[in-house]
N, C-alpha and C. Protein backbone atom coordinates (compact mmCIF):
# COMPACT_ATOMS: atom_id res chain seq x y z
N MET A 1 6.56 12.20 5.71
CA MET A 1 7.81 12.14 5.05
C MET A 1 8.02 10.70 4.67
N ALA A 2 8.58 10.71 3.23
CA ALA A 2 8.78 9.46 2.64
C ALA A 2 10.37 9.11 3.13
N SER A 3 10.43 7.76 3.38
CA SER A 3 11.29 7.30 3.74
C SER A 3 12.38 6.91 2.28
N HIS A 4 13.68 6.64 2.61
CA HIS A 4 14.32 6.88 1.34
C HIS A 4 14.90 5.28 1.07
N GLU A 5 14.19 4.58 0.72
CA GLU A 5 14.09 2.98 0.47
C GLU A 5 13.82 2.73 -0.84
N THR A 6 14.83 2.25 -1.76
CA THR A 6 14.60 2.20 -3.07
C THR A 6 14.52 0.52 -3.48
N ALA A 7 14.49 -0.29 -2.56
CA ALA A 7 14.21 -1.61 -2.50
C ALA A 7 12.99 -1.99 -2.09
N PRO A 8 12.03 -3.10 -2.80
CA PRO A 8 10.88 -2.90 -2.38
C PRO A 8 11.03 -3.98 -1.24
N ARG A 9 10.30 -3.77 -0.24
CA ARG A 9 10.00 -4.71 1.14
C ARG A 9 9.13 -5.65 1.00
N TYR A 10 8.12 -5.44 0.14
CA TYR A 10 6.73 -6.66 0.05
C TYR A 10 6.68 -6.94 -1.44
N GLN A 11 6.62 -8.08 -1.72
CA GLN A 11 6.21 -8.80 -3.01
C GLN A 11 5.03 -8.78 -3.21
N ILE A 12 4.81 -8.96 -4.73
CA ILE A 12 3.27 -9.34 -5.02
C ILE A 12 2.46 -10.49 -4.59
N GLY A 13 1.74 -10.26 -3.90
CA GLY A 13 0.94 -11.36 -3.05
C GLY A 13 0.97 -11.32 -1.59
N ALA A 14 1.81 -10.52 -1.26
CA ALA A 14 2.23 -10.42 0.29
C ALA A 14 1.06 -9.61 0.99
N ARG A 15 0.80 -9.91 2.18
CA ARG A 15 -0.64 -9.41 3.02
C ARG A 15 0.20 -8.36 3.79
N VAL A 16 -0.13 -7.11 3.91
CA VAL A 16 0.21 -6.13 4.41
C VAL A 16 -0.91 -5.34 5.18
N ARG A 17 -0.78 -4.46 6.29
CA ARG A 17 -1.39 -3.42 6.92
C ARG A 17 -1.17 -2.14 6.56
N VAL A 18 -1.94 -1.43 6.64
CA VAL A 18 -1.92 -0.01 6.47
C VAL A 18 -1.77 0.78 7.53
N ASP A 19 -0.97 1.68 7.81
CA ASP A 19 -0.96 2.43 9.14
C ASP A 19 -2.38 3.16 9.38
N LYS A 20 -2.77 2.97 10.37
CA LYS A 20 -4.03 3.60 10.68
C LYS A 20 -4.05 5.20 10.66
N ASP A 21 -2.92 5.86 10.58
CA ASP A 21 -2.79 7.29 10.45
C ASP A 21 -3.19 7.78 9.19
N VAL A 22 -3.08 6.73 8.27
CA VAL A 22 -3.11 7.43 6.77
C VAL A 22 -4.87 7.32 6.52
N THR A 23 -4.92 8.52 5.95
CA THR A 23 -6.38 8.88 5.64
C THR A 23 -6.47 9.17 4.03
N THR A 24 -7.50 8.50 3.72
CA THR A 24 -8.07 8.62 2.25
C THR A 24 -9.50 9.07 1.95
N MET A 25 -9.43 9.28 0.86
CA MET A 25 -10.99 9.76 0.44
C MET A 25 -11.34 8.63 -0.72
N PRO A 26 -12.57 7.95 -0.85
CA PRO A 26 -13.12 7.54 0.36
C PRO A 26 -12.24 7.01 1.53
N ALA A 27 -13.03 6.90 2.77
CA ALA A 27 -12.41 6.25 3.64
C ALA A 27 -11.97 4.63 3.43
N LEU A 28 -10.86 4.11 4.05
CA LEU A 28 -10.56 3.04 3.75
C LEU A 28 -11.66 1.83 4.47
N PRO A 29 -11.65 0.69 3.44
CA PRO A 29 -12.90 -0.22 4.02
C PRO A 29 -12.22 -1.06 4.89
N THR A 30 -11.04 -1.05 5.09
CA THR A 30 -10.23 -2.17 6.03
C THR A 30 -8.78 -1.63 6.16
N TYR A 31 -8.00 -2.09 7.05
CA TYR A 31 -6.68 -1.56 6.78
C TYR A 31 -5.50 -2.86 6.53
N VAL A 32 -6.12 -4.06 6.02
CA VAL A 32 -5.25 -5.08 5.22
C VAL A 32 -5.60 -5.35 4.01
N GLY A 33 -4.50 -5.66 3.25
CA GLY A 33 -4.80 -5.84 2.03
C GLY A 33 -3.72 -6.64 1.26
N ILE A 34 -3.81 -6.83 0.07
CA ILE A 34 -2.75 -7.84 -0.76
C ILE A 34 -2.07 -6.75 -1.73
N VAL A 35 -0.67 -6.97 -1.75
CA VAL A 35 0.05 -6.36 -2.69
C VAL A 35 -0.10 -6.63 -4.33
N LYS A 36 -0.58 -5.83 -5.20
CA LYS A 36 -1.26 -6.26 -6.61
C LYS A 36 0.09 -6.03 -7.49
N GLU A 37 0.66 -4.72 -7.16
CA GLU A 37 1.67 -4.15 -8.07
C GLU A 37 2.93 -3.51 -7.27
N ILE A 38 4.10 -3.39 -7.59
CA ILE A 38 4.88 -2.75 -7.11
C ILE A 38 5.61 -1.38 -8.15
N ILE A 39 5.36 -0.16 -7.51
CA ILE A 39 5.57 1.09 -8.59
C ILE A 39 6.76 1.57 -7.60
N PRO A 40 7.90 1.83 -8.25
CA PRO A 40 9.00 2.74 -8.05
C PRO A 40 8.80 4.12 -8.03
N SER A 41 9.15 4.72 -7.09
CA SER A 41 8.80 6.36 -7.31
C SER A 41 10.41 6.88 -7.26
N TYR A 42 10.53 7.14 -8.23
CA TYR A 42 12.15 7.66 -8.44
C TYR A 42 12.17 9.08 -7.74
N VAL A 43 11.33 9.86 -7.95
CA VAL A 43 11.35 11.42 -7.18
C VAL A 43 11.51 11.37 -5.84
N ASP A 44 10.87 10.43 -5.24
CA ASP A 44 10.62 10.15 -3.73
C ASP A 44 11.61 9.26 -3.38
N LYS A 45 12.43 8.69 -4.29
CA LYS A 45 13.47 7.66 -3.73
C LYS A 45 12.55 6.62 -2.81
N THR A 46 11.51 6.04 -3.25
CA THR A 46 10.99 5.17 -2.33
C THR A 46 10.01 4.22 -3.27
N ILE A 47 9.60 3.37 -2.52
CA ILE A 47 8.46 2.41 -3.40
C ILE A 47 7.24 2.62 -3.05
N GLY A 48 6.39 2.52 -4.16
CA GLY A 48 4.65 2.47 -3.79
C GLY A 48 4.43 1.06 -4.16
N TYR A 49 2.88 1.09 -3.65
CA TYR A 49 2.41 -0.37 -3.83
C TYR A 49 0.92 -0.01 -4.25
N ASN A 50 0.36 -0.91 -5.37
CA ASN A 50 -1.07 -0.98 -5.53
C ASN A 50 -1.48 -2.06 -4.61
N LEU A 51 -2.68 -2.09 -3.89
CA LEU A 51 -3.25 -3.02 -3.16
C LEU A 51 -4.81 -3.28 -3.40
N THR A 52 -5.34 -4.40 -2.90
CA THR A 52 -6.63 -4.38 -2.99
C THR A 52 -6.68 -4.76 -1.36
N LEU A 53 -7.90 -4.29 -0.84
CA LEU A 53 -8.28 -4.51 0.63
C LEU A 53 -9.23 -5.35 0.80
N GLU A 54 -9.19 -6.11 1.86
CA GLU A 54 -10.05 -7.03 2.22
C GLU A 54 -11.47 -6.28 2.40
N ASP A 55 -12.52 -7.02 2.40
CA ASP A 55 -13.88 -6.37 2.57
C ASP A 55 -14.18 -5.34 1.87
N ASP A 56 -13.54 -4.85 0.75
CA ASP A 56 -13.58 -3.49 -0.25
C ASP A 56 -15.01 -3.97 -0.78
N PRO A 57 -15.93 -3.14 -0.68
CA PRO A 57 -17.11 -3.22 -1.63
C PRO A 57 -16.97 -3.41 -3.10
N ARG A 58 -15.83 -2.76 -3.48
CA ARG A 58 -15.50 -2.84 -5.00
C ARG A 58 -14.14 -3.53 -5.09
N PRO A 59 -14.38 -4.97 -5.04
CA PRO A 59 -13.21 -5.85 -5.06
C PRO A 59 -12.15 -5.62 -6.06
N GLY A 60 -12.36 -4.88 -7.32
CA GLY A 60 -11.61 -4.42 -8.28
C GLY A 60 -10.77 -3.34 -8.03
N ARG A 61 -11.08 -2.62 -7.12
CA ARG A 61 -10.56 -1.22 -6.92
C ARG A 61 -9.16 -1.76 -6.49
N LEU A 62 -8.05 -0.59 -6.64
CA LEU A 62 -6.68 -0.71 -6.19
C LEU A 62 -6.80 0.58 -5.47
N TRP A 63 -5.83 0.46 -4.31
CA TRP A 63 -5.28 1.61 -3.44
C TRP A 63 -3.80 1.65 -3.77
N PHE A 64 -3.44 2.96 -3.70
CA PHE A 64 -2.05 3.35 -3.98
C PHE A 64 -1.42 3.57 -2.17
N PHE A 65 -0.46 3.15 -1.65
CA PHE A 65 0.26 3.27 -0.75
C PHE A 65 1.69 3.38 -0.79
N LEU A 66 2.27 4.23 -0.03
CA LEU A 66 3.96 4.24 -0.25
C LEU A 66 4.54 3.35 0.84
N GLN A 67 5.82 2.92 0.80
CA GLN A 67 6.23 1.58 1.53
C GLN A 67 6.25 2.17 2.97
N HIS A 68 6.87 3.20 3.60
CA HIS A 68 6.51 3.57 4.68
C HIS A 68 5.02 3.52 5.46
N GLN A 69 4.00 3.63 4.72
CA GLN A 69 2.73 3.52 5.19
C GLN A 69 2.43 2.00 5.41
N LEU A 70 3.12 1.21 5.23
CA LEU A 70 2.71 -0.20 5.22
C LEU A 70 3.36 -1.22 6.19
N THR A 71 2.91 -2.16 6.70
CA THR A 71 3.69 -3.28 7.77
C THR A 71 3.30 -4.44 7.22
N PRO A 72 3.92 -5.49 7.61
CA PRO A 72 3.36 -7.01 7.43
C PRO A 72 2.22 -7.20 8.07
N ALA A 73 1.51 -7.84 7.59
CA ALA A 73 -0.10 -8.14 8.09
C ALA A 73 0.25 -9.63 8.95
């Protein structure tokens, strides 16, 4: 369930941790990453983030997560 936060909690360049309960396809290479882009989700009334993840074999790949799926690293 998305939280109803419309202000970004993290800024570009922030180091964040992805909640271990989040599952993705393909599987996450690690659960710590850096915010590269902040994306408002007006429909869900929350904020999304594009991250690069540490130790990703494809370092240019971006992963999208919602604000409630992240915590400070």
